[in-house]
N, C-alpha and C. Protein backbone atom coordinates (compact mmCIF):
# COMPACT_ATOMS: atom_id res chain seq x y z
N MET A 1 0.99 -1.46 -0.22
CA MET A 1 0.34 -0.30 -0.09
C MET A 1 0.81 1.33 0.09
N ASP A 2 0.59 2.08 -0.69
CA ASP A 2 1.25 2.91 -1.08
C ASP A 2 0.31 4.51 -0.51
N PHE A 3 0.57 4.72 0.63
CA PHE A 3 -0.37 6.17 1.38
C PHE A 3 -0.08 6.11 2.61
N LYS A 4 -0.59 7.08 3.15
CA LYS A 4 0.00 7.28 4.53
C LYS A 4 -1.59 8.06 4.68
N THR A 5 -2.03 7.74 5.47
CA THR A 5 -3.09 8.86 5.79
C THR A 5 -3.19 10.43 6.62
N ALA A 6 -2.01 10.92 6.74
CA ALA A 6 -1.47 11.83 7.10
C ALA A 6 -1.71 12.87 5.36
N ASP A 7 -1.02 11.98 4.21
CA ASP A 7 -0.39 12.58 3.32
C ASP A 7 -2.41 12.89 2.81
N LEU A 8 -2.65 11.86 2.77
CA LEU A 8 -3.83 12.08 2.04
C LEU A 8 -5.24 12.89 2.75
N TYR A 9 -5.07 13.14 3.96
CA TYR A 9 -5.31 14.21 4.26
C TYR A 9 -5.02 15.54 4.40
N ASP A 10 -3.84 16.01 4.20
CA ASP A 10 -2.85 16.98 3.63
C ASP A 10 -3.38 17.82 2.00
N GLN A 11 -3.68 16.12 1.42
CA GLN A 11 -3.53 16.11 -0.20
C GLN A 11 -5.37 16.57 -0.04
N GLU A 12 -6.83 16.11 0.54
CA GLU A 12 -7.97 16.01 0.21
C GLU A 12 -8.56 16.85 1.36
N GLY A 13 -7.74 17.08 2.37
CA GLY A 13 -8.92 18.09 3.47
C GLY A 13 -9.87 17.41 4.37
N GLU A 14 -10.59 18.61 4.33
CA GLU A 14 -12.11 18.00 5.13
C GLU A 14 -13.01 17.79 4.11
N THR A 15 -12.09 17.05 2.67
CA THR A 15 -13.57 16.07 2.33
C THR A 15 -13.12 14.70 2.48
N LEU A 16 -12.14 14.45 3.42
CA LEU A 16 -12.38 12.78 4.08
C LEU A 16 -13.54 13.21 5.11
N GLN A 17 -13.62 12.06 5.94
CA GLN A 17 -13.73 11.98 7.43
C GLN A 17 -13.00 11.36 8.49
N VAL A 18 -12.12 11.57 9.32
CA VAL A 18 -11.10 11.03 10.03
C VAL A 18 -11.82 10.64 11.37
N CYS A 19 -11.34 9.31 11.31
CA CYS A 19 -11.76 8.62 12.97
C CYS A 19 -11.31 9.23 14.16
N ASP A 20 -12.39 8.94 15.37
CA ASP A 20 -11.74 9.74 16.39
C ASP A 20 -10.68 8.22 16.59
N PRO A 21 -9.55 8.89 17.38
CA PRO A 21 -8.26 8.05 17.76
C PRO A 21 -8.00 6.98 18.90
N VAL A 22 -9.45 6.04 18.50
CA VAL A 22 -9.68 5.37 19.39
C VAL A 22 -9.34 3.64 18.84
N PHE A 23 -8.84 3.12 17.78
CA PHE A 23 -8.76 1.93 17.17
C PHE A 23 -6.94 1.33 17.82
N GLN A 24 -7.08 0.75 17.98
CA GLN A 24 -5.57 -0.23 18.25
C GLN A 24 -5.35 -1.40 16.66
N ASP A 25 -4.44 -1.44 16.46
CA ASP A 25 -4.41 -2.43 15.15
C ASP A 25 -3.69 -3.68 16.21
N PHE A 26 -4.10 -5.06 15.38
CA PHE A 26 -4.53 -5.74 15.86
C PHE A 26 -4.18 -7.16 14.33
N GLY A 27 -4.40 -6.50 13.51
CA GLY A 27 -4.15 -7.32 12.37
C GLY A 27 -2.27 -7.80 12.23
N GLY A 28 -1.92 -8.17 11.16
CA GLY A 28 -0.84 -8.56 10.78
C GLY A 28 -0.32 -7.59 9.61
N ARG A 29 -1.61 -6.14 9.39
CA ARG A 29 -0.69 -5.42 8.41
C ARG A 29 -1.61 -4.07 9.16
N SER A 30 -0.66 -3.29 9.40
CA SER A 30 -1.40 -2.13 9.84
C SER A 30 -1.73 -1.38 8.95
N ARG A 31 -1.66 -1.15 7.37
CA ARG A 31 -1.93 -0.59 7.02
C ARG A 31 -2.43 -0.98 5.44
N PHE A 32 -3.64 -0.74 5.27
CA PHE A 32 -4.55 -0.81 4.24
C PHE A 32 -5.80 -0.62 3.98
N SER A 33 -6.56 -0.45 2.86
CA SER A 33 -7.55 0.24 2.21
C SER A 33 -8.28 -0.76 1.15
N GLY A 34 -9.73 -0.18 1.37
CA GLY A 34 -10.60 -0.53 0.49
C GLY A 34 -11.99 0.11 0.52
N GLU A 35 -13.05 -0.48 -0.54
CA GLU A 35 -14.72 -0.70 -0.32
C GLU A 35 -15.13 -0.39 1.06
N ALA A 36 -15.71 -0.25 1.44
CA ALA A 36 -16.44 -0.32 3.08
C ALA A 36 -18.02 -1.43 2.66
N VAL A 37 -17.79 -2.35 3.11
CA VAL A 37 -19.39 -2.73 3.32
C VAL A 37 -19.55 -2.87 4.98
N THR A 38 -20.87 -2.19 5.17
CA THR A 38 -21.36 -2.09 6.49
C THR A 38 -22.06 -2.84 7.34
N ILE A 39 -22.09 -3.54 9.03
CA ILE A 39 -22.67 -3.80 9.72
C ILE A 39 -23.05 -3.11 10.66
N LYS A 40 -24.23 -3.50 11.27
CA LYS A 40 -24.53 -2.46 12.64
C LYS A 40 -25.13 -3.93 13.48
N CYS A 41 -24.31 -4.10 15.07
CA CYS A 41 -24.87 -5.44 15.32
C CYS A 41 -24.29 -4.71 17.21
N TYR A 42 -24.65 -5.70 17.99
CA TYR A 42 -24.50 -5.58 19.48
C TYR A 42 -24.61 -6.57 20.11
N GLU A 43 -23.41 -7.24 20.19
CA GLU A 43 -22.88 -8.09 21.17
C GLU A 43 -23.12 -9.49 20.31
N ASP A 44 -23.59 -9.63 18.79
CA ASP A 44 -23.97 -10.47 18.07
C ASP A 44 -22.81 -11.06 16.86
N ASN A 45 -22.20 -11.33 16.47
CA ASN A 45 -21.22 -11.45 15.78
C ASN A 45 -21.68 -12.05 14.30
N SER A 46 -22.93 -12.71 14.52
CA SER A 46 -23.70 -13.56 13.48
C SER A 46 -23.22 -13.21 12.10
N LEU A 47 -23.72 -11.60 11.49
CA LEU A 47 -23.08 -11.09 10.67
C LEU A 47 -21.81 -11.02 9.85
N VAL A 48 -21.18 -10.82 10.72
CA VAL A 48 -19.75 -10.57 11.13
C VAL A 48 -19.40 -11.94 10.62
N LYS A 49 -19.79 -13.09 10.76
CA LYS A 49 -19.39 -14.62 10.87
C LYS A 49 -19.79 -14.66 9.20
N SER A 50 -20.92 -14.37 8.84
CA SER A 50 -21.38 -15.03 7.68
C SER A 50 -20.95 -14.22 6.15
N THR A 51 -20.57 -12.94 6.86
CA THR A 51 -20.17 -11.92 5.88
C THR A 51 -18.80 -11.81 5.50
N LEU A 52 -17.67 -12.35 6.07
CA LEU A 52 -16.09 -12.23 6.11
C LEU A 52 -16.46 -13.90 5.65
N ALA A 53 -17.17 -14.67 5.28
CA ALA A 53 -17.04 -16.11 4.69
C ALA A 53 -17.36 -15.61 2.77
N GLU A 54 -17.86 -14.64 2.92
CA GLU A 54 -17.70 -14.33 1.48
C GLU A 54 -16.85 -13.73 0.96
N PRO A 55 -16.50 -13.81 -0.89
CA PRO A 55 -15.26 -13.52 -1.27
C PRO A 55 -15.38 -11.75 -0.92
N GLY A 56 -14.08 -11.09 -1.06
CA GLY A 56 -14.22 -10.24 -0.31
C GLY A 56 -13.21 -8.93 -0.99
N ALA A 57 -13.03 -9.85 -2.37
CA ALA A 57 -12.58 -9.08 -3.35
C ALA A 57 -11.55 -7.01 -2.95
N GLY A 58 -11.25 -7.77 -2.00
CA GLY A 58 -10.38 -6.10 -1.37
C GLY A 58 -10.96 -5.10 -0.90
N ARG A 59 -12.25 -5.70 -0.26
CA ARG A 59 -12.87 -4.73 0.25
C ARG A 59 -12.54 -4.30 2.20
N VAL A 60 -12.82 -3.49 2.84
CA VAL A 60 -13.28 -3.18 4.11
C VAL A 60 -14.74 -3.53 4.50
N LEU A 61 -14.58 -4.84 6.17
CA LEU A 61 -15.57 -5.07 6.60
C LEU A 61 -15.86 -3.56 7.79
N VAL A 62 -16.22 -2.72 8.15
CA VAL A 62 -16.43 -1.88 9.23
C VAL A 62 -18.05 -2.17 10.11
N VAL A 63 -17.97 -2.38 11.30
CA VAL A 63 -18.31 -3.33 11.59
C VAL A 63 -18.87 -1.69 13.14
N ASP A 64 -20.20 -1.26 13.39
CA ASP A 64 -20.30 -0.40 14.41
C ASP A 64 -21.05 -1.68 15.65
N ALA A 65 -20.30 -1.93 16.83
CA ALA A 65 -20.95 -3.09 17.90
C ALA A 65 -21.01 -2.18 18.69
N GLY A 66 -21.46 -0.94 18.47
CA GLY A 66 -21.86 -0.26 19.75
C GLY A 66 -20.70 0.02 20.76
N GLY A 67 -19.78 -0.08 20.27
CA GLY A 67 -18.49 0.54 21.19
C GLY A 67 -18.52 -0.88 22.47
N SER A 68 -19.15 -1.53 22.17
CA SER A 68 -19.12 -2.63 23.79
C SER A 68 -17.69 -3.58 23.93
N LEU A 69 -17.22 -2.99 25.20
CA LEU A 69 -15.97 -3.98 25.58
C LEU A 69 -16.41 -5.19 26.25
N ARG A 70 -17.85 -5.57 26.21
CA ARG A 70 -17.92 -7.19 26.81
C ARG A 70 -17.59 -8.47 26.12
N CYS A 71 -17.52 -8.38 25.11
CA CYS A 71 -17.51 -9.27 24.37
C CYS A 71 -16.83 -9.34 23.04
N ALA A 72 -16.10 -9.86 22.01
CA ALA A 72 -15.26 -10.11 20.62
C ALA A 72 -16.06 -10.47 19.83
N MET A 73 -16.09 -9.71 18.68
CA MET A 73 -17.06 -9.78 17.45
C MET A 73 -15.79 -10.07 16.95
N LEU A 74 -15.17 -10.39 16.83
CA LEU A 74 -13.51 -11.62 14.87
C LEU A 74 -13.06 -12.12 16.50
N GLY A 75 -12.63 -13.42 15.68
CA GLY A 75 -11.13 -14.18 16.60
C GLY A 75 -10.64 -14.74 15.65
N ASP A 76 -9.88 -15.53 16.05
CA ASP A 76 -8.74 -16.03 14.93
C ASP A 76 -9.59 -16.85 13.87
N GLN A 77 -10.56 -17.73 14.26
CA GLN A 77 -11.49 -18.33 13.39
C GLN A 77 -11.57 -17.83 11.97
N ILE A 78 -12.57 -16.69 12.18
CA ILE A 78 -13.49 -16.11 11.30
C ILE A 78 -12.03 -14.79 10.38
N ALA A 79 -11.49 -14.91 11.01
CA ALA A 79 -10.03 -13.88 10.92
C ALA A 79 -10.05 -14.75 9.56
N ALA A 80 -9.48 -15.83 10.08
CA ALA A 80 -8.84 -16.51 8.80
C ALA A 80 -9.58 -16.99 7.33
N ARG A 81 -10.70 -16.93 7.90
CA ARG A 81 -11.23 -17.07 6.94
C ARG A 81 -11.60 -15.77 6.20
N ALA A 82 -11.81 -14.40 6.95
CA ALA A 82 -11.65 -13.78 5.72
C ALA A 82 -10.22 -13.53 4.83
N VAL A 83 -9.09 -13.90 5.32
CA VAL A 83 -7.86 -13.70 4.85
C VAL A 83 -7.79 -14.60 3.77
N GLU A 84 -8.63 -15.84 3.67
CA GLU A 84 -9.13 -16.85 2.41
C GLU A 84 -9.37 -16.28 1.28
N GLN A 85 -10.63 -15.37 2.37
CA GLN A 85 -11.62 -15.17 0.80
C GLN A 85 -11.18 -13.06 0.60
N GLY A 86 -9.63 -12.71 0.28
CA GLY A 86 -9.67 -11.72 0.36
C GLY A 86 -9.84 -10.77 0.55
N TRP A 87 -10.29 -10.63 1.58
CA TRP A 87 -10.93 -8.98 2.61
C TRP A 87 -9.51 -8.25 2.90
N ALA A 88 -9.43 -7.05 2.45
CA ALA A 88 -8.14 -6.26 3.06
C ALA A 88 -8.37 -6.04 4.63
N GLY A 89 -9.14 -5.95 4.92
CA GLY A 89 -9.45 -5.58 6.31
C GLY A 89 -10.75 -5.42 6.85
N VAL A 90 -10.84 -5.55 8.26
CA VAL A 90 -12.00 -5.47 8.90
C VAL A 90 -11.75 -4.01 10.47
N VAL A 91 -12.29 -2.87 10.14
CA VAL A 91 -12.70 -1.80 11.10
C VAL A 91 -13.57 -2.49 11.97
N ILE A 92 -13.40 -2.48 13.42
CA ILE A 92 -14.50 -2.90 14.64
C ILE A 92 -15.11 -1.84 15.96
N ASN A 93 -15.94 -1.23 15.87
CA ASN A 93 -16.44 -0.65 17.09
C ASN A 93 -16.59 -1.33 18.10
N GLY A 94 -15.82 -2.44 18.95
CA GLY A 94 -16.06 -3.12 19.14
C GLY A 94 -14.89 -3.74 19.87
N CYS A 95 -14.44 -5.07 20.19
CA CYS A 95 -13.40 -5.94 20.95
C CYS A 95 -13.18 -7.07 19.54
N VAL A 96 -11.99 -7.55 19.78
CA VAL A 96 -11.86 -8.44 19.11
C VAL A 96 -11.10 -9.70 19.98
N ARG A 97 -10.83 -10.85 20.33
CA ARG A 97 -10.11 -12.10 20.74
C ARG A 97 -8.69 -12.48 20.00
N ASP A 98 -8.06 -13.71 20.71
CA ASP A 98 -7.23 -14.25 19.58
C ASP A 98 -5.96 -13.00 19.50
N ARG A 99 -5.49 -12.18 20.11
CA ARG A 99 -4.63 -11.50 19.23
C ARG A 99 -3.11 -11.28 18.56
N VAL A 100 -2.82 -12.62 19.37
CA VAL A 100 -1.30 -13.19 19.17
C VAL A 100 -1.82 -13.71 17.41
N GLU A 101 -2.73 -14.91 17.50
CA GLU A 101 -3.39 -15.29 15.92
C GLU A 101 -3.16 -13.64 15.36
N LEU A 102 -4.47 -13.26 15.64
CA LEU A 102 -4.65 -12.37 14.48
C LEU A 102 -3.47 -11.62 13.88
N ALA A 103 -2.58 -11.40 15.24
CA ALA A 103 -1.19 -10.16 14.69
C ALA A 103 -0.34 -11.19 13.36
N ALA A 104 -0.49 -12.38 13.17
CA ALA A 104 0.01 -13.14 11.96
C ALA A 104 -0.44 -13.07 11.25
N MET A 105 -1.93 -12.73 10.89
CA MET A 105 -2.09 -12.99 9.51
C MET A 105 -2.25 -11.58 8.41
N ALA A 106 -2.37 -11.73 7.70
CA ALA A 106 -2.07 -11.12 6.51
C ALA A 106 -2.99 -10.50 6.42
N ILE A 107 -3.82 -9.39 7.26
CA ILE A 107 -5.01 -8.49 7.20
C ILE A 107 -4.95 -7.35 8.30
N GLY A 108 -5.49 -6.65 7.67
CA GLY A 108 -5.91 -5.16 8.51
C GLY A 108 -6.65 -5.50 9.55
N ILE A 109 -6.63 -5.28 10.79
CA ILE A 109 -7.70 -5.20 12.11
C ILE A 109 -7.06 -4.10 12.82
N LYS A 110 -8.54 -3.14 12.82
CA LYS A 110 -8.38 -2.18 13.68
C LYS A 110 -9.74 -2.58 14.73
N ALA A 111 -9.93 -2.56 15.74
CA ALA A 111 -10.92 -2.66 16.87
C ALA A 111 -10.08 -1.42 17.99
N LEU A 112 -11.04 -1.72 19.01
CA LEU A 112 -10.89 -0.88 20.16
C LEU A 112 -10.18 -1.58 21.52
N ALA A 113 -10.40 -3.04 21.89
CA ALA A 113 -9.78 -3.50 22.46
C ALA A 113 -9.77 -5.23 22.32
N SER A 114 -9.08 -6.23 23.06
CA SER A 114 -9.60 -7.61 22.92
C SER A 114 -9.99 -7.80 24.04
N THR A 115 -10.46 -8.94 24.25
CA THR A 115 -11.26 -9.41 25.34
C THR A 115 -11.41 -10.43 25.20
N PRO A 116 -11.59 -12.42 25.98
CA PRO A 116 -11.68 -13.21 25.81
C PRO A 116 -12.96 -13.89 25.56
N ARG A 117 -13.55 -13.20 26.02
CA ARG A 117 -14.99 -13.38 25.90
C ARG A 117 -15.37 -13.42 24.54
N LYS A 118 -16.58 -14.48 24.14
CA LYS A 118 -17.27 -14.57 22.62
C LYS A 118 -18.48 -13.68 22.84
N SER A 119 -18.76 -13.05 21.50
CA SER A 119 -20.07 -13.12 21.35
C SER A 119 -21.03 -14.37 21.27
N HIS A 120 -22.30 -13.52 21.62
CA HIS A 120 -23.42 -15.16 21.11
C HIS A 120 -23.81 -14.33 20.17
N ARG A 121 -24.30 -15.71 19.60
CA ARG A 121 -25.26 -15.84 18.05
C ARG A 121 -26.33 -15.95 18.02
N ARG A 122 -27.00 -14.89 17.52
CA ARG A 122 -29.14 -14.71 17.82
C ARG A 122 -29.23 -14.71 16.30
N GLY A 123 -28.16 -14.02 15.18
CA GLY A 123 -28.67 -14.08 13.84
C GLY A 123 -29.23 -12.77 14.04
N GLU A 124 -28.83 -11.62 15.28
CA GLU A 124 -29.34 -10.34 14.63
C GLU A 124 -28.04 -9.42 13.94
N GLY A 125 -29.04 -8.30 13.58
CA GLY A 125 -27.98 -7.18 13.20
C GLY A 125 -28.99 -6.81 11.88
N GLN A 126 -27.64 -5.62 11.39
CA GLN A 126 -27.96 -4.90 10.20
C GLN A 126 -26.90 -4.46 8.97
N ARG A 127 -27.04 -5.37 7.65
CA ARG A 127 -26.20 -5.06 6.68
C ARG A 127 -26.45 -4.17 6.00
N ASP A 128 -24.98 -3.46 5.16
CA ASP A 128 -25.29 -2.26 4.38
C ASP A 128 -26.20 -1.27 4.38
N ILE A 129 -25.89 -0.66 5.78
CA ILE A 129 -26.43 0.48 6.24
C ILE A 129 -25.52 1.86 6.47
N PRO A 130 -25.50 3.08 6.38
CA PRO A 130 -25.01 3.80 6.89
C PRO A 130 -24.66 3.37 8.10
N ILE A 131 -23.38 3.70 8.90
CA ILE A 131 -23.62 3.60 10.31
C ILE A 131 -22.39 5.14 11.08
N HIS A 132 -22.32 4.66 12.32
CA HIS A 132 -21.26 5.72 12.61
C HIS A 132 -20.92 4.99 13.44
N ILE A 133 -19.60 5.56 13.51
CA ILE A 133 -18.09 4.97 14.73
C ILE A 133 -17.11 6.33 14.88
N ALA A 134 -16.75 6.04 15.86
CA ALA A 134 -15.97 6.74 16.36
C ALA A 134 -15.88 8.55 15.54
N GLY A 135 -16.67 9.00 15.92
CA GLY A 135 -16.97 10.25 14.87
C GLY A 135 -16.83 10.56 13.67
N ALA A 136 -16.93 9.15 12.77
CA ALA A 136 -17.24 8.89 11.47
C ALA A 136 -18.85 8.73 10.97
N ARG A 137 -18.93 9.09 9.91
CA ARG A 137 -19.99 8.30 9.53
C ARG A 137 -19.46 7.69 8.20
N VAL A 138 -19.95 6.67 7.65
CA VAL A 138 -19.47 5.18 6.79
C VAL A 138 -20.84 4.99 5.94
N VAL A 139 -21.06 5.20 4.88
CA VAL A 139 -22.08 4.56 3.60
C VAL A 139 -21.28 3.39 3.19
N PRO A 140 -21.73 2.09 3.15
CA PRO A 140 -21.40 1.26 2.34
C PRO A 140 -21.17 2.14 0.84
N GLY A 141 -19.56 1.25 0.53
CA GLY A 141 -19.83 2.06 -0.85
C GLY A 141 -18.11 2.89 -0.72
N ASP A 142 -18.00 3.71 0.17
CA ASP A 142 -17.21 4.49 0.99
C ASP A 142 -16.09 4.14 0.67
N GLN A 143 -14.79 4.49 0.55
CA GLN A 143 -13.38 3.95 1.06
C GLN A 143 -12.46 4.45 2.53
N LEU A 144 -12.77 3.46 2.38
CA LEU A 144 -11.82 3.34 4.12
C LEU A 144 -9.86 3.39 3.19
N TYR A 145 -8.99 4.06 3.86
CA TYR A 145 -7.82 3.71 4.06
C TYR A 145 -7.13 4.18 5.40
N CYS A 146 -6.46 3.15 6.12
CA CYS A 146 -6.10 2.90 7.40
C CYS A 146 -4.85 2.34 7.46
N ASP A 147 -3.78 3.29 8.68
CA ASP A 147 -2.60 2.95 8.90
C ASP A 147 -2.54 3.41 10.21
N GLU A 148 -1.24 3.37 10.54
CA GLU A 148 -0.71 3.59 11.61
C GLU A 148 -1.11 4.39 12.67
N ASP A 149 -1.55 5.95 11.61
CA ASP A 149 -2.24 7.06 12.16
C ASP A 149 -3.40 7.36 12.13
N GLY A 150 -4.24 6.54 11.45
CA GLY A 150 -5.77 6.07 11.87
C GLY A 150 -6.55 5.57 11.18
N VAL A 151 -7.80 6.26 10.58
CA VAL A 151 -8.80 5.62 9.34
C VAL A 151 -9.00 6.68 8.73
N VAL A 152 -9.25 7.07 7.30
CA VAL A 152 -9.72 7.91 6.68
C VAL A 152 -10.92 7.60 6.13
N ILE A 153 -12.34 8.03 5.59
CA ILE A 153 -12.86 7.92 4.98
C ILE A 153 -13.29 9.10 4.19
N ALA A 154 -13.44 8.10 2.67
CA ALA A 154 -13.47 9.02 1.72
C ALA A 154 -14.95 8.77 1.01
N ALA A 155 -15.85 9.70 0.18
CA ALA A 155 -16.99 9.39 -0.65
C ALA A 155 -16.42 8.20 -1.49
N ARG A 156 -15.08 8.37 -2.12
CA ARG A 156 -14.77 7.68 -3.55
C ARG A 156 -13.50 7.58 -3.57
N ALA A 157 -13.07 6.56 -4.51
CA ALA A 157 -11.39 6.30 -4.24
C ALA A 157 -10.39 7.00 -4.79
N LEU A 158 -9.32 7.24 -4.27
CA LEU A 158 -8.73 8.62 -3.85
C LEU A 158 -7.36 8.05 -4.75
N ALA A 159 -6.87 8.84 -5.83
CA ALA A 159 -5.61 8.99 -6.28
C ALA A 159 -4.68 9.36 -5.05
N LEU A 160 -3.77 7.78 -5.39
CA LEU A 160 -2.54 7.00 -4.79
C LEU A 160 -1.22 7.74 -5.20
N GLY A 161 -0.11 8.57 -4.43
CA GLY A 161 0.82 8.30 -5.05
C GLY A 161 1.45 9.71 -5.41
């Protein structure tokens, strides 16, 4: 990936949304980008699991898990499937688990924290709707750019380089 979010912000200014600096890196890639696929769910990772089992085609799954710190929305098994399916990354307004295994995977993962507690699957949640995470609005099809400095969101793909 040949971009830096700071440079993109300098280039595009206020046309970009910038997420509040609340996310930590958990995946093996700290720099990733792609078209946003959105999920809104709370302490139920059913949609996270089923979505990441689909072909990713370099997209980024953005999950509004309500900021819950009580359970993980992504662990090593689901993340391994996401890698196999070609997802560029996952951004979760919530927790992950299995952080050592996640760090060894070729995928970008940003989340608030890690916890050993798993979520319960009740088949609840919504997909492909506008969501709000970390002070920013994400619409399906937006472009996310993530690196060590943070997460920026563009309504269109940006010219890199």
